[in-house]
Protein backbone atom coordinates (compact mmCIF):
# COMPACT_ATOMS: atom_id res chain seq x y z
CA MET A 1 44.70 4.89 -0.06
CA ILE A 2 48.33 3.67 0.10
CA GLU A 3 48.57 0.32 -1.32
CA ASN A 4 48.76 -2.85 1.33
CA LEU A 5 52.29 -3.62 2.02
CA GLU A 6 51.79 -7.03 0.19
CA ASN A 7 52.05 -4.59 -2.70
CA ARG A 8 54.61 -3.28 -1.57
CA PRO A 9 58.64 -3.91 -1.49
CA ALA A 10 59.27 -4.23 2.32
CA PRO A 11 60.96 -1.98 3.99
CA GLU A 12 63.76 -3.03 6.03
CA SER A 13 61.74 -2.98 8.97
CA THR A 14 58.34 -1.23 9.55
CA VAL A 15 58.83 -1.87 13.92
CA ALA A 16 61.82 -1.66 14.89
CA ALA A 17 62.78 -5.38 15.80
CA ARG A 18 63.62 -5.53 20.32
CA PRO A 19 66.67 -7.43 21.05
CA VAL A 20 66.41 -10.98 20.45
CA SER A 21 68.90 -13.71 22.55
CA LEU A 22 70.44 -15.93 19.84
CA ALA A 23 71.17 -17.96 23.09
CA PRO A 24 69.67 -21.79 22.55
CA ALA A 25 66.26 -21.84 23.88
CA ARG A 26 66.20 -24.30 27.41
CA ARG A 27 62.95 -25.88 28.59
CA ALA A 28 64.00 -26.48 32.36
CA PRO A 29 61.84 -26.66 34.80
CA VAL A 30 63.11 -24.54 36.71
CA GLN A 31 63.10 -22.01 34.88
CA GLU A 32 59.46 -22.69 33.22
CA ARG A 33 58.60 -22.17 37.40
CA SER A 34 61.03 -18.97 37.17
CA HIS A 35 59.03 -17.43 34.31
CA GLU A 36 55.50 -18.74 35.96
CA THR A 37 56.13 -17.17 38.72
CA VAL A 38 57.75 -13.28 37.06
CA GLN A 39 53.89 -13.59 35.37
CA ARG A 40 52.13 -13.91 38.71
CA VAL A 41 53.88 -11.48 40.05
CA MET A 42 53.13 -8.88 37.70
CA ASP A 43 49.51 -10.06 36.75
CA ALA A 44 48.97 -9.18 40.88
CA ALA A 45 50.61 -5.96 40.38
CA SER A 46 48.30 -5.32 37.67
CA ARG A 47 45.23 -6.31 39.39
CA LEU A 48 46.16 -4.05 42.44
CA LEU A 49 46.51 -0.89 40.12
CA GLU A 50 43.51 -1.33 38.75
CA ARG A 51 41.73 -0.99 42.21
CA ALA A 52 44.05 0.61 44.78
CA PRO A 53 46.07 3.76 44.58
CA LEU A 54 49.79 2.80 44.15
CA GLU A 55 50.92 4.66 47.26
CA GLU A 56 49.10 1.74 49.28
CA ILE A 57 50.53 -1.00 46.72
CA THR A 58 53.69 -2.46 48.48
CA THR A 59 55.85 -5.50 47.52
CA SER A 60 54.36 -7.40 50.31
CA ARG A 61 50.69 -6.72 49.01
CA ILE A 62 52.28 -7.51 46.00
CA ALA A 63 53.47 -11.00 46.88
CA ALA A 64 50.23 -11.88 49.11
CA GLU A 65 47.96 -11.34 46.15
CA SER A 66 50.06 -13.36 43.99
CA GLY A 67 50.85 -16.23 46.02
CA VAL A 68 54.37 -15.74 45.86
CA SER A 69 56.58 -15.60 49.08
CA VAL A 70 58.07 -11.97 49.68
CA GLY A 71 61.22 -13.40 48.98
CA GLY A 72 60.40 -15.15 45.91
CA LEU A 73 59.39 -11.51 44.59
CA TYR A 74 62.63 -10.26 45.65
CA ARG A 75 64.12 -13.26 43.75
CA PHE A 76 63.12 -11.78 40.66
CA PHE A 77 62.51 -7.71 41.20
CA PRO A 78 64.72 -5.90 43.03
CA ASP A 79 61.72 -3.07 44.35
CA LYS A 80 58.45 -2.18 43.52
CA GLN A 81 59.69 0.30 40.77
CA SER A 82 60.91 -2.26 39.10
CA ILE A 83 57.87 -4.52 39.11
CA LEU A 84 55.97 -1.52 37.15
CA ASP A 85 58.36 -0.90 34.81
CA ALA A 86 57.70 -4.25 34.36
CA ILE A 87 54.45 -3.79 33.40
CA ALA A 88 54.67 -1.00 31.50
CA VAL A 89 56.88 -2.81 29.08
CA ARG A 90 54.80 -5.29 28.67
CA ARG A 91 51.68 -3.43 27.95
CA GLN A 92 53.75 -1.24 25.63
CA LYS A 93 54.79 -4.09 23.57
CA GLU A 94 50.91 -5.67 23.44
CA PHE A 95 50.15 -1.94 22.20
CA GLU A 96 52.96 -2.58 19.23
CA GLU A 97 51.95 -5.64 18.45
CA HIS A 98 48.37 -4.35 18.14
CA ILE A 99 49.10 -1.58 16.20
CA ALA A 100 51.36 -3.22 13.78
CA ALA A 101 49.21 -5.90 12.72
CA GLN A 102 46.34 -2.92 12.53
CA PHE A 103 47.94 -0.24 10.35
CA LEU A 104 50.28 -2.93 8.22
CA ALA A 105 46.59 -3.65 6.93
CA ASP A 106 45.48 -0.89 5.64
CA LEU A 107 47.56 1.92 6.32
CA PRO A 108 45.73 5.60 6.10
CA GLY A 109 46.42 7.65 2.88
CA ASP A 110 48.48 10.63 4.93
CA GLY A 111 50.31 11.71 7.78
CA PRO A 112 47.63 13.25 9.65
CA ALA A 113 45.21 9.94 9.01
CA PHE A 114 47.70 7.84 10.37
CA PHE A 115 48.64 10.11 13.07
CA ALA A 116 45.16 10.24 14.22
CA ALA A 117 44.47 6.34 13.59
CA MET A 118 47.34 5.46 16.18
CA ILE A 119 45.48 8.10 18.61
CA ASP A 120 42.30 6.50 18.51
CA ALA A 121 43.54 3.36 18.87
CA TYR A 122 46.01 4.44 21.82
CA VAL A 123 43.06 5.82 23.56
CA ALA A 124 41.27 2.79 23.12
CA PHE A 125 43.83 0.85 24.43
CA LEU A 126 44.31 2.95 27.79
CA ASP A 127 40.83 2.45 28.45
CA SER A 128 40.91 -0.80 28.67
CA HIS A 129 44.29 -1.32 30.59
CA PRO A 130 43.53 0.55 33.29
CA ASP A 131 46.84 -0.50 34.95
CA PHE A 132 48.88 0.87 32.04
CA ARG A 133 46.77 4.14 32.20
CA THR A 134 47.65 4.75 36.03
CA LEU A 135 51.33 3.93 35.45
CA VAL A 136 51.86 5.95 32.30
CA PHE A 137 49.06 9.23 33.41
CA GLY A 138 50.85 9.30 37.18
CA ARG A 139 54.47 9.62 35.63
CA HIS A 140 55.31 6.44 37.89
CA ILE A 141 57.64 4.94 34.95
CA SER A 142 61.07 5.39 35.59
CA ALA A 143 62.46 7.85 33.29
CA GLU A 144 65.12 5.01 32.15
CA THR A 145 62.15 2.96 31.07
CA ARG A 146 60.57 5.42 29.68
CA ARG A 147 64.11 6.74 27.69
CA GLN A 148 63.87 3.43 26.20
CA GLU A 149 60.89 3.28 25.24
CA ALA A 150 59.99 6.92 23.98
CA GLN A 151 63.65 6.03 21.42
CA PRO A 152 62.43 7.26 17.74
CA ASP A 153 63.65 3.75 16.85
CA ALA A 154 61.68 1.25 18.93
CA GLY A 155 58.67 0.34 19.43
CA THR A 156 55.52 2.50 18.06
CA THR A 157 57.72 5.38 17.42
CA ALA A 158 59.11 3.68 15.00
CA LEU A 159 56.05 2.59 12.74
CA LEU A 160 55.15 6.38 13.12
CA LYS A 161 58.50 7.07 11.64
CA GLN A 162 58.82 4.27 8.84
CA PHE A 163 55.62 5.67 7.37
CA MET A 164 57.01 9.28 7.39
CA VAL A 165 60.20 8.38 5.75
CA HIS A 166 59.03 4.98 3.36
CA TYR A 167 55.37 6.39 2.45
CA LEU A 168 55.66 9.97 2.62
CA ARG A 169 59.19 10.45 1.62
CA MET A 170 60.15 12.60 4.34
CA PRO A 171 63.92 12.41 5.07
CA ASP A 172 64.90 10.85 8.10
CA THR A 173 67.37 13.18 9.91
CA PRO A 174 67.96 13.87 13.46
CA GLU A 175 65.52 17.06 13.44
CA LEU A 176 62.54 14.18 12.15
CA SER A 177 63.52 12.06 15.43
CA LEU A 178 63.70 15.23 17.64
CA LYS A 179 60.37 16.49 16.36
CA LEU A 180 59.01 12.62 17.06
CA ARG A 181 60.31 12.54 20.76
CA LEU A 182 58.88 16.16 21.41
CA ALA A 183 55.15 14.98 19.65
CA ILE A 184 54.88 11.66 21.81
CA GLU A 185 55.98 13.37 24.93
CA ALA A 186 53.31 16.29 24.08
CA GLY A 187 51.03 13.97 23.44
CA GLU A 188 51.08 12.14 26.56
CA ARG A 189 50.85 15.11 28.65
CA LEU A 190 47.84 16.30 26.63
CA LEU A 191 46.16 13.10 26.76
CA ALA A 192 46.37 12.41 30.54
CA PHE A 193 44.52 16.26 30.48
CA ALA A 194 42.07 14.48 28.28
CA PHE A 195 41.33 11.73 30.71
CA GLU A 196 40.90 14.28 33.48
CA GLN A 197 37.72 15.65 31.55
CA ARG A 198 34.62 15.28 33.56
CA THR A 199 32.91 14.06 30.02
CA LEU A 200 33.30 11.91 27.22
CA GLU A 201 32.36 14.48 25.23
CA GLU A 202 34.89 16.76 26.59
CA ARG A 203 37.53 14.31 26.78
CA GLY A 204 36.66 13.99 22.91
CA ALA A 205 36.91 17.46 22.17
CA VAL A 206 40.53 17.58 23.63
CA ILE A 207 41.69 14.71 21.80
CA GLU A 208 40.73 16.20 18.50
CA GLN A 209 42.68 19.43 19.03
CA LEU A 210 45.42 17.57 20.36
CA LYS A 211 45.60 15.26 16.93
CA ARG A 212 45.23 18.86 14.80
CA MET A 213 47.87 20.40 16.71
CA LEU A 214 50.27 17.17 16.71
CA ALA A 215 50.05 16.34 13.25
CA GLY A 216 50.31 20.26 11.85
CA TYR A 217 53.30 19.95 14.09
CA LEU A 218 55.03 16.79 12.30
CA PHE A 219 53.21 16.78 8.96
């Protein structure tokens, strides 16, 4: 078992930091109302994703669900795709925070165990967030957003990379970054296949094979 991070020198960055604005925070009522409107729109779209096919979800329907006018919605989101991308990024950040808190408290002792635990956590997150599951498995996230979120130095991919480099002493090379990108892409598609299975037992069998195959490739 690898020691808790409290007993080790902290690496420079365990999870790649997202850009943070250095501008002074402003609490103007207008900005607070704008933030509230954005959240209402995103929450409404998430609810619709849980109960309606994506093709039936329009900006007008999202506006009606959120209680925001169509014009008010367009002040913040130019189209439906921008709303879907915002939901995907929000969910991804939630998962990053969850996974960092869970794994940094008690790191699995080797690469395959660490990777398998991350897969299990991701499956549980997908089960509990059907809106995110719809977006990921339906390939409804824009190519640019997918590219940004899949970078080896961002998000959960960065956590896996830091573990491999700092604790398994694997060299931080362009080849490692490419392997991580390929593993994440392949893993996402194979998880979609796993979720298509008829029973939980069949799904679990596919996921176990996925873990073995990708852990063998990475480690």
